[in-house]
Amino acid sequence: MTQTEETVANVSDDYEKAVIVHASPDAVFDALTTASGLTSWWSPVTGSGEAGGELRFTMNAPEPCVMRVDVAARPALVQWTCISCDFMPDWVGTRPTYTIIPLDDGTTELRFRHIGLTSELECIDMCTSGWNHFIPSLRDYAESGKGSPLGSPGDSARRERDGDKA
């Protein structure tokens, strides 16, 4: 395989976003693996954020979106697989993945990739809008203890602006 072919082969259509977080890798990891952290930046949740656990996100639906925690390796990596999501069936089988990289200046780079969330899915516009809001909400929560989770004024403004219902 030539270098050009290698580059093309590694290009992904998965949703990806990276942010610099002015907090420790442990603070970012805790925001991704504790019910209080996840609720503070994304959505009310129950369950265990430890590897092998399940997280049940209630969102705005009668049935929760259930994520199996495949990896929770402090402080570097958190990966889930969506195993059930009645209100967003496109998500089943996708894998939200958070790579946490410590930087020399005491900050953290968070690289988020939602494996399987591609332009082929019907939900791509709504999901992109959501992640474009919630990943910065995660950053804000890790930095200050205050995010913009589901139903917050910031989230409501985004939904109104983007016409999102979910």
N, C-alpha and C. Protein backbone atom coordinates (compact mmCIF):
# COMPACT_ATOMS: atom_id res chain seq x y z
N MET A 1 0.85 -1.18 0.00
CA MET A 1 0.00 0.00 0.00
C MET A 1 0.90 1.25 0.00
N THR A 2 0.60 2.18 -0.86
CA THR A 2 1.39 3.42 -0.89
C THR A 2 0.97 4.32 0.25
N GLN A 3 1.77 5.36 0.49
CA GLN A 3 1.45 6.30 1.57
C GLN A 3 0.10 6.96 1.31
N THR A 4 -0.19 7.31 0.08
CA THR A 4 -1.47 7.94 -0.25
C THR A 4 -2.62 6.99 0.04
N GLU A 5 -2.48 5.72 -0.35
CA GLU A 5 -3.53 4.75 -0.09
C GLU A 5 -3.72 4.54 1.41
N GLU A 6 -2.63 4.54 2.15
CA GLU A 6 -2.70 4.38 3.60
C GLU A 6 -3.48 5.53 4.22
N THR A 7 -3.20 6.75 3.79
CA THR A 7 -3.89 7.92 4.31
C THR A 7 -5.39 7.83 4.03
N VAL A 8 -5.74 7.47 2.81
CA VAL A 8 -7.15 7.36 2.43
C VAL A 8 -7.82 6.26 3.25
N ALA A 9 -7.13 5.14 3.44
CA ALA A 9 -7.71 4.02 4.18
C ALA A 9 -8.00 4.39 5.63
N ASN A 10 -7.24 5.33 6.19
CA ASN A 10 -7.41 5.69 7.60
C ASN A 10 -8.40 6.84 7.80
N VAL A 11 -8.91 7.42 6.73
CA VAL A 11 -9.86 8.51 6.87
C VAL A 11 -11.20 7.94 7.33
N SER A 12 -11.80 8.58 8.31
CA SER A 12 -13.05 8.10 8.88
C SER A 12 -14.13 9.14 8.71
N ASP A 13 -15.34 8.67 8.54
CA ASP A 13 -16.50 9.55 8.45
C ASP A 13 -17.19 9.68 9.81
N ASP A 14 -16.63 9.05 10.84
CA ASP A 14 -17.21 9.12 12.18
C ASP A 14 -17.18 10.56 12.69
N TYR A 15 -18.17 10.92 13.52
CA TYR A 15 -18.15 12.23 14.17
C TYR A 15 -16.94 12.29 15.09
N GLU A 16 -16.18 13.39 15.01
CA GLU A 16 -15.03 13.60 15.87
C GLU A 16 -14.96 15.05 16.32
N LYS A 17 -14.51 15.25 17.55
CA LYS A 17 -14.31 16.61 18.07
C LYS A 17 -13.21 16.55 19.13
N ALA A 18 -12.33 17.54 19.11
CA ALA A 18 -11.27 17.62 20.11
C ALA A 18 -11.35 18.98 20.80
N VAL A 19 -11.11 18.97 22.11
CA VAL A 19 -11.10 20.22 22.88
C VAL A 19 -9.94 20.17 23.88
N ILE A 20 -9.43 21.34 24.20
CA ILE A 20 -8.45 21.48 25.27
C ILE A 20 -9.22 21.80 26.54
N VAL A 21 -8.91 21.06 27.59
CA VAL A 21 -9.60 21.21 28.87
C VAL A 21 -8.58 21.69 29.90
N HIS A 22 -8.88 22.80 30.54
CA HIS A 22 -8.01 23.35 31.58
C HIS A 22 -8.34 22.67 32.91
N ALA A 23 -8.08 21.37 32.93
CA ALA A 23 -8.30 20.53 34.11
C ALA A 23 -7.43 19.29 33.94
N SER A 24 -7.29 18.54 35.01
CA SER A 24 -6.45 17.35 34.98
C SER A 24 -7.14 16.21 34.21
N PRO A 25 -6.35 15.27 33.70
CA PRO A 25 -6.94 14.10 33.07
C PRO A 25 -7.88 13.35 34.01
N ASP A 26 -7.55 13.30 35.31
CA ASP A 26 -8.43 12.63 36.27
C ASP A 26 -9.78 13.31 36.37
N ALA A 27 -9.81 14.65 36.31
CA ALA A 27 -11.09 15.37 36.37
C ALA A 27 -11.94 15.05 35.14
N VAL A 28 -11.32 14.96 33.98
CA VAL A 28 -12.05 14.61 32.76
C VAL A 28 -12.55 13.17 32.86
N PHE A 29 -11.70 12.27 33.31
CA PHE A 29 -12.08 10.87 33.47
C PHE A 29 -13.28 10.73 34.41
N ASP A 30 -13.23 11.43 35.55
CA ASP A 30 -14.33 11.37 36.51
C ASP A 30 -15.63 11.91 35.92
N ALA A 31 -15.53 12.93 35.07
CA ALA A 31 -16.73 13.49 34.43
C ALA A 31 -17.37 12.49 33.47
N LEU A 32 -16.58 11.52 33.00
CA LEU A 32 -17.07 10.51 32.06
C LEU A 32 -17.46 9.19 32.71
N THR A 33 -17.16 9.02 33.98
CA THR A 33 -17.37 7.71 34.60
C THR A 33 -18.20 7.74 35.87
N THR A 34 -18.63 8.92 36.30
CA THR A 34 -19.48 8.99 37.50
C THR A 34 -20.86 9.51 37.11
N ALA A 35 -21.87 9.03 37.80
CA ALA A 35 -23.24 9.47 37.51
C ALA A 35 -23.37 10.98 37.74
N SER A 36 -22.75 11.49 38.80
CA SER A 36 -22.87 12.93 39.07
C SER A 36 -22.18 13.74 37.97
N GLY A 37 -21.03 13.27 37.50
CA GLY A 37 -20.33 13.97 36.42
C GLY A 37 -21.12 13.96 35.13
N LEU A 38 -21.56 12.79 34.69
CA LEU A 38 -22.31 12.66 33.44
C LEU A 38 -23.60 13.47 33.46
N THR A 39 -24.29 13.45 34.60
CA THR A 39 -25.53 14.22 34.74
C THR A 39 -25.27 15.72 34.66
N SER A 40 -24.10 16.15 35.11
CA SER A 40 -23.78 17.57 35.16
C SER A 40 -23.40 18.17 33.81
N TRP A 41 -23.02 17.33 32.84
CA TRP A 41 -22.66 17.90 31.54
C TRP A 41 -23.49 17.35 30.38
N TRP A 42 -24.17 16.18 30.58
CA TRP A 42 -24.90 15.59 29.45
C TRP A 42 -26.36 15.31 29.79
N SER A 43 -26.62 14.26 30.56
CA SER A 43 -28.00 13.82 30.77
C SER A 43 -28.10 13.05 32.08
N PRO A 44 -29.28 13.08 32.71
CA PRO A 44 -29.46 12.25 33.89
C PRO A 44 -29.14 10.79 33.56
N VAL A 45 -28.43 10.13 34.48
CA VAL A 45 -27.96 8.77 34.22
C VAL A 45 -27.96 7.97 35.51
N THR A 46 -28.16 6.68 35.37
CA THR A 46 -27.97 5.75 36.48
C THR A 46 -27.06 4.64 35.97
N GLY A 47 -26.49 3.91 36.90
CA GLY A 47 -25.66 2.77 36.54
C GLY A 47 -24.21 2.98 36.92
N SER A 48 -23.37 2.13 36.37
CA SER A 48 -21.95 2.12 36.69
C SER A 48 -21.12 2.53 35.49
N GLY A 49 -20.20 3.47 35.70
CA GLY A 49 -19.28 3.91 34.66
C GLY A 49 -17.99 3.12 34.63
N GLU A 50 -17.91 2.05 35.42
CA GLU A 50 -16.71 1.21 35.42
C GLU A 50 -16.78 0.21 34.27
N ALA A 51 -15.61 -0.24 33.80
CA ALA A 51 -15.56 -1.23 32.72
C ALA A 51 -16.45 -2.42 33.06
N GLY A 52 -17.29 -2.81 32.11
CA GLY A 52 -18.23 -3.90 32.33
C GLY A 52 -19.58 -3.43 32.84
N GLY A 53 -19.66 -2.16 33.25
CA GLY A 53 -20.92 -1.61 33.76
C GLY A 53 -21.84 -1.16 32.63
N GLU A 54 -23.02 -0.71 33.02
CA GLU A 54 -23.98 -0.13 32.08
C GLU A 54 -24.43 1.22 32.60
N LEU A 55 -24.60 2.14 31.67
CA LEU A 55 -25.11 3.47 31.98
C LEU A 55 -26.45 3.63 31.27
N ARG A 56 -27.46 4.12 32.01
CA ARG A 56 -28.81 4.29 31.46
C ARG A 56 -29.13 5.78 31.46
N PHE A 57 -29.04 6.38 30.27
CA PHE A 57 -29.30 7.82 30.10
C PHE A 57 -30.78 8.02 29.80
N THR A 58 -31.46 8.85 30.60
CA THR A 58 -32.90 9.02 30.43
C THR A 58 -33.26 9.98 29.31
N MET A 59 -32.43 10.96 29.03
CA MET A 59 -32.69 11.93 27.96
C MET A 59 -34.14 12.42 28.04
N ASN A 60 -34.78 12.62 26.89
CA ASN A 60 -36.18 13.09 26.85
C ASN A 60 -37.08 11.99 26.30
N ALA A 61 -36.96 10.79 26.80
CA ALA A 61 -37.71 9.67 26.24
C ALA A 61 -38.19 8.76 27.37
N PRO A 62 -39.25 7.99 27.09
CA PRO A 62 -39.75 7.07 28.12
C PRO A 62 -38.73 5.98 28.49
N GLU A 63 -38.00 5.47 27.49
CA GLU A 63 -37.02 4.42 27.74
C GLU A 63 -35.61 5.01 27.64
N PRO A 64 -34.70 4.56 28.49
CA PRO A 64 -33.34 5.13 28.47
C PRO A 64 -32.52 4.64 27.28
N CYS A 65 -31.49 5.39 26.98
CA CYS A 65 -30.45 4.97 26.06
C CYS A 65 -29.41 4.25 26.92
N VAL A 66 -29.12 2.99 26.60
CA VAL A 66 -28.24 2.18 27.44
C VAL A 66 -26.89 2.01 26.76
N MET A 67 -25.85 2.36 27.50
CA MET A 67 -24.47 2.22 27.03
C MET A 67 -23.76 1.19 27.90
N ARG A 68 -23.14 0.21 27.25
CA ARG A 68 -22.27 -0.72 27.96
C ARG A 68 -20.89 -0.06 28.04
N VAL A 69 -20.27 -0.08 29.19
CA VAL A 69 -18.94 0.50 29.36
C VAL A 69 -17.91 -0.57 28.99
N ASP A 70 -17.31 -0.41 27.82
CA ASP A 70 -16.32 -1.37 27.33
C ASP A 70 -14.95 -1.13 27.95
N VAL A 71 -14.58 0.14 28.06
CA VAL A 71 -13.27 0.51 28.60
C VAL A 71 -13.44 1.71 29.51
N ALA A 72 -12.83 1.65 30.67
CA ALA A 72 -12.73 2.80 31.58
C ALA A 72 -11.35 2.69 32.21
N ALA A 73 -10.34 3.14 31.46
CA ALA A 73 -8.94 3.00 31.87
C ALA A 73 -8.41 4.36 32.31
N ARG A 74 -8.42 4.58 33.62
CA ARG A 74 -7.97 5.86 34.17
C ARG A 74 -6.53 6.12 33.82
N PRO A 75 -6.19 7.32 33.43
CA PRO A 75 -7.07 8.42 33.05
C PRO A 75 -7.17 8.59 31.54
N ALA A 76 -6.83 7.54 30.76
CA ALA A 76 -6.57 7.74 29.33
C ALA A 76 -7.71 7.46 28.37
N LEU A 77 -8.64 6.56 28.70
CA LEU A 77 -9.61 6.13 27.69
C LEU A 77 -10.92 5.69 28.33
N VAL A 78 -12.02 6.14 27.73
CA VAL A 78 -13.35 5.67 28.08
C VAL A 78 -14.06 5.34 26.77
N GLN A 79 -14.61 4.12 26.68
CA GLN A 79 -15.36 3.75 25.49
C GLN A 79 -16.62 3.00 25.88
N TRP A 80 -17.71 3.38 25.23
CA TRP A 80 -19.00 2.73 25.45
C TRP A 80 -19.47 2.13 24.13
N THR A 81 -20.39 1.17 24.23
CA THR A 81 -21.15 0.69 23.08
C THR A 81 -22.62 0.88 23.40
N CYS A 82 -23.34 1.51 22.49
CA CYS A 82 -24.78 1.68 22.67
C CYS A 82 -25.45 0.34 22.41
N ILE A 83 -26.14 -0.19 23.42
CA ILE A 83 -26.79 -1.50 23.27
C ILE A 83 -28.30 -1.40 23.16
N SER A 84 -28.86 -0.23 23.49
CA SER A 84 -30.31 -0.04 23.37
C SER A 84 -30.61 1.46 23.36
N CYS A 85 -31.43 1.88 22.41
CA CYS A 85 -31.81 3.29 22.34
C CYS A 85 -33.05 3.42 21.46
N ASP A 86 -34.24 3.23 22.07
CA ASP A 86 -35.49 3.23 21.31
C ASP A 86 -35.74 4.53 20.57
N PHE A 87 -35.37 5.67 21.17
CA PHE A 87 -35.65 6.95 20.55
C PHE A 87 -34.59 7.35 19.52
N MET A 88 -33.46 6.65 19.48
CA MET A 88 -32.40 6.94 18.52
C MET A 88 -31.81 5.60 18.06
N PRO A 89 -32.60 4.80 17.31
CA PRO A 89 -32.14 3.46 16.94
C PRO A 89 -30.85 3.46 16.11
N ASP A 90 -30.56 4.56 15.43
CA ASP A 90 -29.29 4.65 14.68
C ASP A 90 -28.08 4.47 15.58
N TRP A 91 -28.22 4.77 16.87
CA TRP A 91 -27.09 4.71 17.78
C TRP A 91 -26.72 3.28 18.18
N VAL A 92 -27.65 2.34 18.11
CA VAL A 92 -27.38 0.98 18.57
C VAL A 92 -26.20 0.42 17.79
N GLY A 93 -25.20 -0.04 18.54
CA GLY A 93 -23.98 -0.57 17.95
C GLY A 93 -22.87 0.45 17.77
N THR A 94 -23.19 1.74 17.92
CA THR A 94 -22.14 2.76 17.80
C THR A 94 -21.34 2.81 19.09
N ARG A 95 -20.14 3.42 19.01
CA ARG A 95 -19.24 3.41 20.16
C ARG A 95 -18.68 4.80 20.44
N PRO A 96 -19.31 5.55 21.36
CA PRO A 96 -18.71 6.81 21.79
C PRO A 96 -17.38 6.52 22.51
N THR A 97 -16.32 7.22 22.08
CA THR A 97 -14.98 6.96 22.58
C THR A 97 -14.30 8.27 22.96
N TYR A 98 -13.78 8.32 24.17
CA TYR A 98 -13.14 9.51 24.72
C TYR A 98 -11.68 9.18 25.01
N THR A 99 -10.77 9.84 24.31
CA THR A 99 -9.34 9.67 24.55
C THR A 99 -8.85 10.90 25.30
N ILE A 100 -8.22 10.68 26.44
CA ILE A 100 -7.82 11.74 27.36
C ILE A 100 -6.29 11.81 27.35
N ILE A 101 -5.75 12.96 26.92
CA ILE A 101 -4.31 13.09 26.75
C ILE A 101 -3.78 14.22 27.64
N PRO A 102 -2.91 13.90 28.61
CA PRO A 102 -2.33 14.96 29.44
C PRO A 102 -1.36 15.79 28.61
N LEU A 103 -1.38 17.10 28.80
CA LEU A 103 -0.46 18.00 28.11
C LEU A 103 0.55 18.55 29.11
N ASP A 104 1.68 19.01 28.60
CA ASP A 104 2.79 19.46 29.45
C ASP A 104 2.43 20.63 30.36
N ASP A 105 1.48 21.44 29.96
CA ASP A 105 1.15 22.63 30.74
C ASP A 105 0.09 22.37 31.82
N GLY A 106 -0.23 21.10 32.07
CA GLY A 106 -1.21 20.78 33.10
C GLY A 106 -2.64 20.72 32.59
N THR A 107 -2.82 21.02 31.31
CA THR A 107 -4.15 20.91 30.71
C THR A 107 -4.29 19.51 30.10
N THR A 108 -5.44 19.28 29.51
CA THR A 108 -5.76 17.97 28.94
C THR A 108 -6.35 18.16 27.56
N GLU A 109 -5.97 17.31 26.64
CA GLU A 109 -6.65 17.28 25.34
C GLU A 109 -7.64 16.13 25.39
N LEU A 110 -8.89 16.44 25.07
CA LEU A 110 -9.93 15.42 24.98
C LEU A 110 -10.26 15.23 23.51
N ARG A 111 -10.06 14.02 23.04
CA ARG A 111 -10.44 13.67 21.67
C ARG A 111 -11.65 12.74 21.74
N PHE A 112 -12.76 13.20 21.19
CA PHE A 112 -13.99 12.42 21.19
C PHE A 112 -14.25 11.92 19.78
N ARG A 113 -14.56 10.65 19.68
CA ARG A 113 -14.95 10.05 18.40
C ARG A 113 -16.13 9.15 18.65
N HIS A 114 -17.22 9.40 17.94
CA HIS A 114 -18.39 8.54 18.05
C HIS A 114 -18.33 7.57 16.87
N ILE A 115 -17.71 6.42 17.11
CA ILE A 115 -17.50 5.43 16.06
C ILE A 115 -18.86 4.89 15.59
N GLY A 116 -19.10 5.00 14.30
CA GLY A 116 -20.36 4.53 13.72
C GLY A 116 -21.37 5.65 13.51
N LEU A 117 -21.13 6.82 14.10
CA LEU A 117 -22.00 7.97 13.86
C LEU A 117 -21.45 8.67 12.62
N THR A 118 -22.02 8.33 11.48
CA THR A 118 -21.53 8.81 10.19
C THR A 118 -22.63 9.54 9.42
N SER A 119 -22.24 10.14 8.32
CA SER A 119 -23.18 10.88 7.49
C SER A 119 -24.24 9.98 6.86
N GLU A 120 -24.05 8.68 6.92
CA GLU A 120 -25.05 7.75 6.38
C GLU A 120 -26.26 7.61 7.29
N LEU A 121 -26.15 8.01 8.54
CA LEU A 121 -27.25 7.86 9.48
C LEU A 121 -28.22 9.04 9.39
N GLU A 122 -29.50 8.75 9.53
CA GLU A 122 -30.53 9.80 9.47
C GLU A 122 -30.34 10.86 10.54
N CYS A 123 -29.81 10.48 11.69
CA CYS A 123 -29.71 11.38 12.83
C CYS A 123 -28.49 12.29 12.78
N ILE A 124 -27.68 12.22 11.73
CA ILE A 124 -26.36 12.87 11.76
C ILE A 124 -26.44 14.37 12.06
N ASP A 125 -27.37 15.10 11.48
CA ASP A 125 -27.43 16.55 11.73
C ASP A 125 -27.78 16.84 13.18
N MET A 126 -28.80 16.16 13.70
CA MET A 126 -29.21 16.38 15.08
C MET A 126 -28.11 15.92 16.05
N CYS A 127 -27.49 14.79 15.76
CA CYS A 127 -26.45 14.27 16.65
C CYS A 127 -25.21 15.16 16.61
N THR A 128 -24.85 15.65 15.44
CA THR A 128 -23.71 16.57 15.34
C THR A 128 -23.97 17.82 16.15
N SER A 129 -25.17 18.38 16.03
CA SER A 129 -25.54 19.55 16.82
C SER A 129 -25.44 19.25 18.31
N GLY A 130 -25.92 18.08 18.70
CA GLY A 130 -25.87 17.69 20.11
C GLY A 130 -24.44 17.57 20.62
N TRP A 131 -23.61 16.79 19.92
CA TRP A 131 -22.23 16.63 20.37
C TRP A 131 -21.46 17.94 20.31
N ASN A 132 -21.75 18.80 19.33
CA ASN A 132 -21.08 20.10 19.26
C ASN A 132 -21.42 20.96 20.47
N HIS A 133 -22.53 20.67 21.13
CA HIS A 133 -22.89 21.35 22.38
C HIS A 133 -22.34 20.61 23.60
N PHE A 134 -22.54 19.28 23.63
CA PHE A 134 -22.24 18.54 24.85
C PHE A 134 -20.74 18.31 25.09
N ILE A 135 -19.92 18.23 24.06
CA ILE A 135 -18.48 18.08 24.32
C ILE A 135 -17.93 19.36 24.97
N PRO A 136 -18.27 20.56 24.48
CA PRO A 136 -17.87 21.76 25.24
C PRO A 136 -18.50 21.82 26.63
N SER A 137 -19.71 21.28 26.79
CA SER A 137 -20.33 21.22 28.11
C SER A 137 -19.49 20.34 29.04
N LEU A 138 -18.99 19.24 28.53
CA LEU A 138 -18.09 18.38 29.30
C LEU A 138 -16.83 19.15 29.70
N ARG A 139 -16.25 19.88 28.75
CA ARG A 139 -15.06 20.69 29.04
C ARG A 139 -15.37 21.69 30.15
N ASP A 140 -16.50 22.40 30.01
CA ASP A 140 -16.87 23.41 31.01
C ASP A 140 -17.06 22.78 32.38
N TYR A 141 -17.70 21.63 32.42
CA TYR A 141 -17.92 20.96 33.70
C TYR A 141 -16.58 20.55 34.34
N ALA A 142 -15.67 19.97 33.55
CA ALA A 142 -14.38 19.56 34.09
C ALA A 142 -13.58 20.76 34.59
N GLU A 143 -13.72 21.91 33.92
CA GLU A 143 -12.98 23.10 34.31
C GLU A 143 -13.58 23.83 35.50
N SER A 144 -14.91 23.90 35.55
CA SER A 144 -15.55 24.79 36.53
C SER A 144 -16.56 24.11 37.44
N GLY A 145 -16.92 22.85 37.13
CA GLY A 145 -17.96 22.19 37.91
C GLY A 145 -19.35 22.50 37.42
N LYS A 146 -19.46 23.26 36.32
CA LYS A 146 -20.78 23.62 35.78
C LYS A 146 -20.78 23.41 34.26
N GLY A 147 -21.62 22.48 33.81
CA GLY A 147 -21.80 22.23 32.39
C GLY A 147 -23.14 22.77 31.93
N SER A 148 -23.53 22.41 30.71
CA SER A 148 -24.83 22.79 30.14
C SER A 148 -25.55 21.52 29.72
N PRO A 149 -25.99 20.72 30.70
CA PRO A 149 -26.60 19.42 30.38
C PRO A 149 -27.98 19.57 29.75
N LEU A 150 -28.53 18.44 29.39
CA LEU A 150 -29.87 18.36 28.82
C LEU A 150 -30.85 19.18 29.65
N GLY A 151 -31.58 20.06 28.99
CA GLY A 151 -32.59 20.87 29.65
C GLY A 151 -32.08 22.16 30.26
N SER A 152 -30.77 22.37 30.24
CA SER A 152 -30.20 23.61 30.79
C SER A 152 -30.53 24.77 29.84
N PRO A 153 -30.40 26.01 30.28
CA PRO A 153 -30.66 27.14 29.38
C PRO A 153 -29.80 27.09 28.11
N GLY A 154 -28.53 26.71 28.23
CA GLY A 154 -27.67 26.62 27.05
C GLY A 154 -28.14 25.55 26.08
N ASP A 155 -28.55 24.40 26.61
CA ASP A 155 -29.05 23.31 25.77
C ASP A 155 -30.37 23.71 25.11
N SER A 156 -31.24 24.33 25.87
CA SER A 156 -32.54 24.75 25.31
C SER A 156 -32.35 25.76 24.18
N ALA A 157 -31.42 26.70 24.35
CA ALA A 157 -31.13 27.70 23.30
C ALA A 157 -30.61 27.01 22.04
N ARG A 158 -29.71 26.03 22.21
CA ARG A 158 -29.19 25.28 21.06
C ARG A 158 -30.30 24.55 20.33
N ARG A 159 -31.18 23.90 21.07
CA ARG A 159 -32.27 23.15 20.46
C ARG A 159 -33.22 24.08 19.69
N GLU A 160 -33.50 25.22 20.27
CA GLU A 160 -34.37 26.17 19.59
C GLU A 160 -33.70 26.68 18.31
N ARG A 161 -32.43 27.02 18.42
CA ARG A 161 -31.67 27.53 17.27
C ARG A 161 -31.57 26.48 16.16
N ASP A 162 -31.30 25.22 16.53
CA ASP A 162 -31.07 24.17 15.55
C ASP A 162 -32.31 23.37 15.20
N GLY A 163 -33.41 23.63 15.89
CA GLY A 163 -34.65 22.89 15.61
C GLY A 163 -34.61 21.44 16.07
N ASP A 164 -33.77 21.14 17.06
CA ASP A 164 -33.64 19.77 17.57
C ASP A 164 -34.79 19.46 18.52
N LYS A 165 -35.29 18.25 18.41
CA LYS A 165 -36.37 17.80 19.29
C LYS A 165 -35.86 16.79 20.34
N ALA A 166 -34.86 16.02 19.98
CA ALA A 166 -34.40 14.94 20.88
C ALA A 166 -33.42 15.45 21.91
